[in-house]
N, C-alpha and C. Protein backbone atom coordinates (compact mmCIF):
# COMPACT_ATOMS: atom_id res chain seq x y z
N MET A 1 126.46 91.23 134.84
CA MET A 1 127.75 90.41 134.13
C MET A 1 129.05 89.73 135.23
N GLU A 2 129.72 88.94 134.90
CA GLU A 2 130.31 87.65 136.09
C GLU A 2 131.78 88.99 135.21
N THR A 3 132.20 88.83 136.85
CA THR A 3 133.91 89.51 136.54
C THR A 3 135.19 88.66 135.59
N LEU A 4 134.63 87.71 135.47
CA LEU A 4 134.99 86.47 135.09
C LEU A 4 134.72 86.66 133.17
N THR A 5 133.40 87.00 133.06
CA THR A 5 133.16 87.66 131.50
C THR A 5 133.99 88.74 131.15
N ALA A 6 133.72 89.52 131.53
CA ALA A 6 134.32 91.14 131.64
C ALA A 6 135.05 91.09 131.88
N ALA A 7 136.61 89.98 132.61
CA ALA A 7 137.85 90.62 131.76
C ALA A 7 137.91 89.48 130.06
N GLU A 8 137.22 88.46 130.70
CA GLU A 8 138.06 87.46 128.64
C GLU A 8 137.29 89.11 128.00
N ARG A 9 135.42 89.48 128.07
CA ARG A 9 135.88 90.63 127.15
C ARG A 9 136.61 92.14 126.92
N LEU A 10 137.10 91.97 128.35
CA LEU A 10 138.35 93.42 127.98
C LEU A 10 139.56 92.59 127.77
N ALA A 11 139.88 90.94 128.04
CA ALA A 11 141.04 90.98 127.51
C ALA A 11 141.27 90.76 125.66
N ALA A 12 140.78 90.29 124.82
CA ALA A 12 139.99 90.88 124.05
C ALA A 12 140.51 91.71 123.37
N LEU A 13 139.28 92.92 123.81
CA LEU A 13 140.05 94.32 123.17
C LEU A 13 140.70 94.44 123.69
N GLY A 14 142.15 93.95 124.44
CA GLY A 14 142.94 94.63 124.87
C GLY A 14 144.71 94.22 123.54
N HIS A 15 144.12 93.65 122.70
CA HIS A 15 144.83 93.39 121.53
C HIS A 15 144.90 94.41 120.51
N GLU A 16 145.84 94.91 120.07
CA GLU A 16 145.56 96.24 119.51
C GLU A 16 144.76 95.90 118.09
N SER A 17 145.15 94.66 116.96
CA SER A 17 143.63 94.18 116.19
C SER A 17 143.02 94.22 116.36
N ARG A 18 142.67 93.54 117.30
CA ARG A 18 141.13 93.42 117.75
C ARG A 18 140.34 94.72 118.64
N LEU A 19 140.99 95.60 118.92
CA LEU A 19 140.88 96.94 119.37
C LEU A 19 140.08 97.51 117.76
N SER A 20 141.05 97.35 116.81
CA SER A 20 141.33 98.65 116.30
C SER A 20 139.57 97.34 114.52
N ILE A 21 139.78 96.30 114.95
CA ILE A 21 138.37 96.12 114.76
C ILE A 21 136.89 95.77 115.49
N TYR A 22 136.90 96.42 116.42
CA TYR A 22 135.79 96.80 117.29
C TYR A 22 135.84 98.32 116.94
N ARG A 23 136.20 99.19 117.25
CA ARG A 23 135.73 100.42 117.23
C ARG A 23 135.35 100.47 115.56
N LEU A 24 136.50 99.53 114.17
CA LEU A 24 135.94 99.72 112.78
C LEU A 24 134.24 99.82 112.75
N LEU A 25 134.35 98.27 114.02
CA LEU A 25 132.65 97.38 113.70
C LEU A 25 131.33 98.19 114.61
N VAL A 26 131.79 99.40 115.82
CA VAL A 26 130.96 100.68 115.93
C VAL A 26 130.87 101.42 115.04
N GLU A 27 131.77 102.18 114.56
CA GLU A 27 131.91 103.45 114.58
C GLU A 27 130.80 103.22 112.64
N ALA A 28 131.04 100.93 112.09
CA ALA A 28 130.25 101.43 111.22
C ALA A 28 129.13 101.81 111.29
N GLY A 29 128.43 101.01 112.73
CA GLY A 29 126.94 100.80 113.10
C GLY A 29 126.29 99.49 112.46
N HIS A 30 125.29 99.24 112.50
CA HIS A 30 124.02 98.61 112.31
C HIS A 30 123.73 97.66 110.62
N GLN A 31 125.09 98.81 110.57
CA GLN A 31 124.96 98.65 108.80
C GLN A 31 126.34 96.88 108.64
N GLY A 32 127.01 97.12 109.86
CA GLY A 32 128.05 96.93 109.81
C GLY A 32 129.04 96.36 108.32
N MET A 33 130.15 96.30 108.79
CA MET A 33 131.36 95.56 107.34
C MET A 33 131.71 94.72 107.42
N ILE A 34 131.51 93.62 105.43
CA ILE A 34 132.18 92.88 105.98
C ILE A 34 133.28 92.31 105.18
N ALA A 35 134.07 91.14 105.77
CA ALA A 35 135.06 90.83 105.76
C ALA A 35 136.01 91.97 105.17
N SER A 36 136.03 91.54 103.57
CA SER A 36 137.08 91.92 103.28
C SER A 36 136.82 93.57 102.99
N ALA A 37 135.81 93.92 103.65
CA ALA A 37 136.50 95.69 103.64
C ALA A 37 137.28 95.48 104.86
N ILE A 38 136.16 95.38 106.10
CA ILE A 38 137.15 95.51 108.00
C ILE A 38 138.99 95.47 106.80
N ALA A 39 138.91 94.25 106.16
CA ALA A 39 140.31 93.84 105.94
C ALA A 39 141.53 94.56 105.16
N GLU A 40 140.53 94.96 103.64
CA GLU A 40 141.47 96.15 103.05
C GLU A 40 141.81 97.56 103.84
N LYS A 41 140.39 98.04 104.60
CA LYS A 41 140.71 99.01 105.77
C LYS A 41 141.71 99.04 106.42
N LEU A 42 141.64 98.09 107.18
CA LEU A 42 142.64 97.89 108.50
C LEU A 42 144.61 97.24 107.65
N GLY A 43 144.65 97.55 106.59
CA GLY A 43 145.63 96.47 106.05
C GLY A 43 146.05 94.86 106.41
N LEU A 44 144.82 94.17 106.70
CA LEU A 44 145.21 92.83 107.90
C LEU A 44 145.07 91.55 106.73
N PRO A 45 145.58 90.79 106.09
CA PRO A 45 145.75 89.96 105.84
C PRO A 45 144.25 88.64 106.37
N ALA A 46 144.12 88.01 105.76
CA ALA A 46 142.87 87.20 105.85
C ALA A 46 142.72 86.73 107.06
N ALA A 47 143.05 85.93 106.78
CA ALA A 47 143.89 85.03 107.71
C ALA A 47 143.70 85.45 109.00
N THR A 48 144.82 85.81 108.99
CA THR A 48 144.32 87.07 110.71
C THR A 48 143.08 87.92 111.06
N LEU A 49 142.51 88.38 110.44
CA LEU A 49 141.25 89.07 109.85
C LEU A 49 140.33 87.86 111.24
N SER A 50 139.95 86.87 110.33
CA SER A 50 139.26 86.24 110.86
C SER A 50 139.98 85.60 112.80
N PHE A 51 141.10 85.29 112.11
CA PHE A 51 141.67 84.81 114.10
C PHE A 51 140.70 85.77 114.86
N HIS A 52 141.11 87.19 115.23
CA HIS A 52 140.89 88.60 115.59
C HIS A 52 139.29 88.30 115.89
N LEU A 53 139.10 88.12 114.38
CA LEU A 53 137.21 87.65 114.30
C LEU A 53 136.16 87.37 115.12
N SER A 54 136.50 85.87 114.64
CA SER A 54 136.06 84.71 115.46
C SER A 54 136.58 84.77 117.18
N HIS A 55 137.96 86.02 117.66
CA HIS A 55 137.98 85.70 118.69
C HIS A 55 136.97 86.24 119.05
N LEU A 56 136.36 87.52 118.97
CA LEU A 56 135.24 88.73 119.34
C LEU A 56 134.18 88.18 119.63
N SER A 57 134.28 86.82 118.80
CA SER A 57 132.80 86.79 118.04
C SER A 57 132.33 85.84 119.33
N ARG A 58 133.80 84.97 119.79
CA ARG A 58 134.09 84.12 121.11
C ARG A 58 132.95 84.83 122.33
N VAL A 59 133.75 86.10 122.19
CA VAL A 59 133.50 86.74 123.69
C VAL A 59 132.19 87.21 123.61
N GLN A 60 131.84 87.66 122.32
CA GLN A 60 129.27 87.92 121.61
C GLN A 60 129.85 89.56 121.62
N LEU A 61 131.33 89.89 121.18
CA LEU A 61 131.40 91.34 121.47
C LEU A 61 131.19 91.66 119.96
N VAL A 62 130.62 90.69 118.91
CA VAL A 62 130.72 91.02 117.41
C VAL A 62 129.55 89.76 117.09
N ARG A 63 129.23 89.33 115.74
CA ARG A 63 128.66 88.81 115.52
C ARG A 63 128.12 88.74 113.79
N SER A 64 126.97 88.12 113.72
CA SER A 64 128.52 87.77 111.97
C SER A 64 127.12 87.19 111.60
N GLU A 65 126.74 88.05 109.74
CA GLU A 65 125.35 86.92 109.68
C GLU A 65 126.16 87.10 107.62
N ARG A 66 125.82 85.54 107.76
CA ARG A 66 125.87 85.41 105.94
C ARG A 66 125.33 86.11 105.39
N GLU A 67 125.50 86.86 103.90
CA GLU A 67 124.86 87.40 103.16
C GLU A 67 125.49 86.78 101.93
N SER A 68 124.76 86.22 101.04
CA SER A 68 125.59 84.93 99.55
C SER A 68 126.10 84.64 99.77
N ARG A 69 127.72 84.88 99.52
CA ARG A 69 129.39 84.73 99.02
C ARG A 69 130.32 85.76 100.15
N PHE A 70 129.17 86.35 101.19
CA PHE A 70 130.13 87.09 102.12
C PHE A 70 129.39 87.29 103.21
N ILE A 71 130.28 87.17 104.40
CA ILE A 71 130.16 87.31 105.67
C ILE A 71 130.48 88.55 105.76
N ARG A 72 128.33 89.17 106.58
CA ARG A 72 128.86 90.35 107.45
C ARG A 72 128.93 90.91 109.19
N TYR A 73 129.93 91.80 109.49
CA TYR A 73 129.49 91.39 111.48
C TYR A 73 129.34 93.33 111.39
N PHE A 74 129.23 92.78 113.42
CA PHE A 74 128.59 93.67 113.92
C PHE A 74 128.76 93.69 114.97
N ALA A 75 129.16 94.98 115.01
CA ALA A 75 129.62 95.10 116.84
C ALA A 75 128.88 94.90 117.89
N GLU A 76 128.10 94.65 118.77
CA GLU A 76 126.69 93.75 120.05
C GLU A 76 126.65 95.22 120.36
N PHE A 77 126.01 95.82 120.37
CA PHE A 77 126.13 97.37 120.72
C PHE A 77 125.11 97.36 122.50
N GLU A 78 124.85 95.77 122.59
CA GLU A 78 123.91 95.11 123.63
C GLU A 78 124.55 95.58 124.66
N THR A 79 125.99 93.68 124.35
CA THR A 79 127.30 93.58 125.22
C THR A 79 127.77 94.60 125.36
N MET A 80 128.48 96.25 124.80
CA MET A 80 128.77 97.52 124.52
C MET A 80 128.97 96.91 126.09
N ASP A 81 127.06 97.26 125.99
CA ASP A 81 126.86 98.45 127.05
C ASP A 81 126.42 98.01 127.97
N ALA A 82 127.05 96.80 128.69
CA ALA A 82 126.79 95.80 129.55
C ALA A 82 127.97 95.98 130.32
N LEU A 83 128.73 95.80 129.55
CA LEU A 83 130.86 95.63 129.80
C LEU A 83 130.69 97.02 130.30
N LEU A 84 130.18 98.57 129.59
CA LEU A 84 129.97 99.54 130.23
C LEU A 84 129.23 100.06 131.32
N GLY A 85 128.42 98.97 131.95
CA GLY A 85 127.51 98.60 132.33
C GLY A 85 128.31 99.10 133.81
N PHE A 86 128.76 96.81 133.81
CA PHE A 86 129.81 96.18 134.80
C PHE A 86 131.31 97.45 135.57
N LEU A 87 131.71 98.61 134.61
CA LEU A 87 132.86 99.07 134.85
C LEU A 87 132.03 100.12 135.42
N THR A 88 131.84 100.28 135.04
CA THR A 88 131.61 102.06 136.04
C THR A 88 130.01 101.54 136.81
N ARG A 89 129.73 100.91 137.74
CA ARG A 89 128.76 100.23 138.63
C ARG A 89 129.08 101.20 139.46
N ASN A 90 127.96 101.57 140.49
CA ASN A 90 128.53 102.85 141.13
C ASN A 90 129.06 103.55 141.15
N CYS A 91 129.13 104.65 139.86
CA CYS A 91 129.89 105.32 139.62
C CYS A 91 128.94 106.60 139.87
N CYS A 92 129.59 108.25 140.42
CA CYS A 92 128.81 108.86 140.59
C CYS A 92 128.04 108.70 141.76
N GLN A 93 128.60 108.10 143.22
CA GLN A 93 127.16 106.91 143.62
C GLN A 93 126.22 106.51 143.38
N GLY A 94 125.96 105.73 142.44
CA GLY A 94 125.11 105.30 141.60
C GLY A 94 123.59 105.72 140.71
N GLN A 95 124.20 107.11 140.50
CA GLN A 95 123.19 107.49 139.59
C GLN A 95 123.47 107.35 138.38
N PRO A 96 123.22 107.14 137.31
CA PRO A 96 122.93 106.82 135.85
C PRO A 96 124.19 108.41 135.76
N CYS A 97 124.93 107.64 135.58
CA CYS A 97 125.11 109.45 134.40
C CYS A 97 126.07 109.04 133.46
N LEU A 98 126.03 108.02 132.38
CA LEU A 98 126.71 107.24 131.45
C LEU A 98 125.74 107.86 129.97
N PRO A 99 125.97 107.46 128.53
CA PRO A 99 124.23 107.37 127.52
C PRO A 99 125.16 106.02 127.55
N SER A 100 124.24 105.39 126.85
CA SER A 100 124.55 103.78 126.14
C SER A 100 124.04 103.55 125.19
N ALA A 101 124.66 103.05 124.48
CA ALA A 101 125.22 102.24 123.31
C ALA A 101 123.71 101.90 122.55
N SER A 102 122.61 101.97 123.16
CA SER A 102 121.17 102.30 122.52
C SER A 102 120.89 102.79 122.07
N ALA A 103 121.42 104.09 122.28
CA ALA A 103 121.39 105.62 121.75
C ALA A 103 121.07 105.19 120.33
N CYS A 104 122.28 104.64 119.77
CA CYS A 104 122.60 104.37 118.42
C CYS A 104 122.21 102.83 117.98
N SER A 105 120.76 102.30 118.48
CA SER A 105 119.74 101.84 117.50
C SER A 105 118.89 102.39 116.33
N PRO A 106 119.59 100.92 115.51
CA PRO A 106 118.51 101.98 114.43
C PRO A 106 117.47 102.80 114.02
N ARG A 107 116.15 102.16 115.27
CA ARG A 107 114.94 103.56 115.63
C ARG A 107 115.38 104.62 116.00
N ASN A 108 116.71 105.21 116.46
CA ASN A 108 116.17 105.83 118.11
C ASN A 108 117.62 106.61 117.25
N ALA A 109 118.33 106.86 115.91
CA ALA A 109 118.62 107.35 115.28
C ALA A 109 117.47 107.92 114.48
N ALA A 110 117.27 107.42 113.64
CA ALA A 110 115.90 107.78 112.69
C ALA A 110 115.79 108.20 112.72
N SER A 111 115.02 108.38 114.68
CA SER A 111 113.93 109.54 115.59
C SER A 111 114.68 111.44 115.26
N ALA A 112 115.80 109.85 115.58
CA ALA A 112 116.89 111.65 116.13
C ALA A 112 117.40 112.68 114.36
N LYS A 113 117.17 111.71 113.21
CA LYS A 113 116.91 112.48 112.22
C LYS A 113 115.83 112.77 112.11
N GLY A 114 114.70 112.88 112.48
CA GLY A 114 113.55 113.19 112.52
C GLY A 114 112.67 112.49 111.10
N GLU A 115 113.39 111.46 110.71
CA GLU A 115 112.70 110.16 109.90
C GLU A 115 112.06 109.24 110.52
N PRO A 116 110.47 109.23 110.30
CA PRO A 116 110.07 107.87 110.35
C PRO A 116 110.26 107.05 110.86
N GLN A 117 109.61 105.84 112.14
CA GLN A 117 110.43 105.29 112.90
C GLN A 117 108.69 104.32 112.64
N SER A 118 109.40 102.83 112.13
CA SER A 118 108.50 102.05 111.29
C SER A 118 108.23 100.91 112.47
């Protein structure tokens, strides 16, 4: 990851509302959340939420999918991993020492619960 890209992503998360939105989407996992549920949970007006989601999408921290007349938003776990990797590169003398968000993938979550993988 380029330094400028990392700086843009960190700047996006540097705003209290955007950080709250992103943390909520990370907590929601791969099921994501529809915009109205995010607005209700965080007490944000629709226009404000739309502005912040647009910013997070522009720096590729979130993605969206249309579901009928709703839009569902998801945290981009791969982008989060790349950003954490950038921040911790050469940590612990270059040895991998931190878990990655890829452990949250639907396949890994199913195996952790003992469910059959498809």
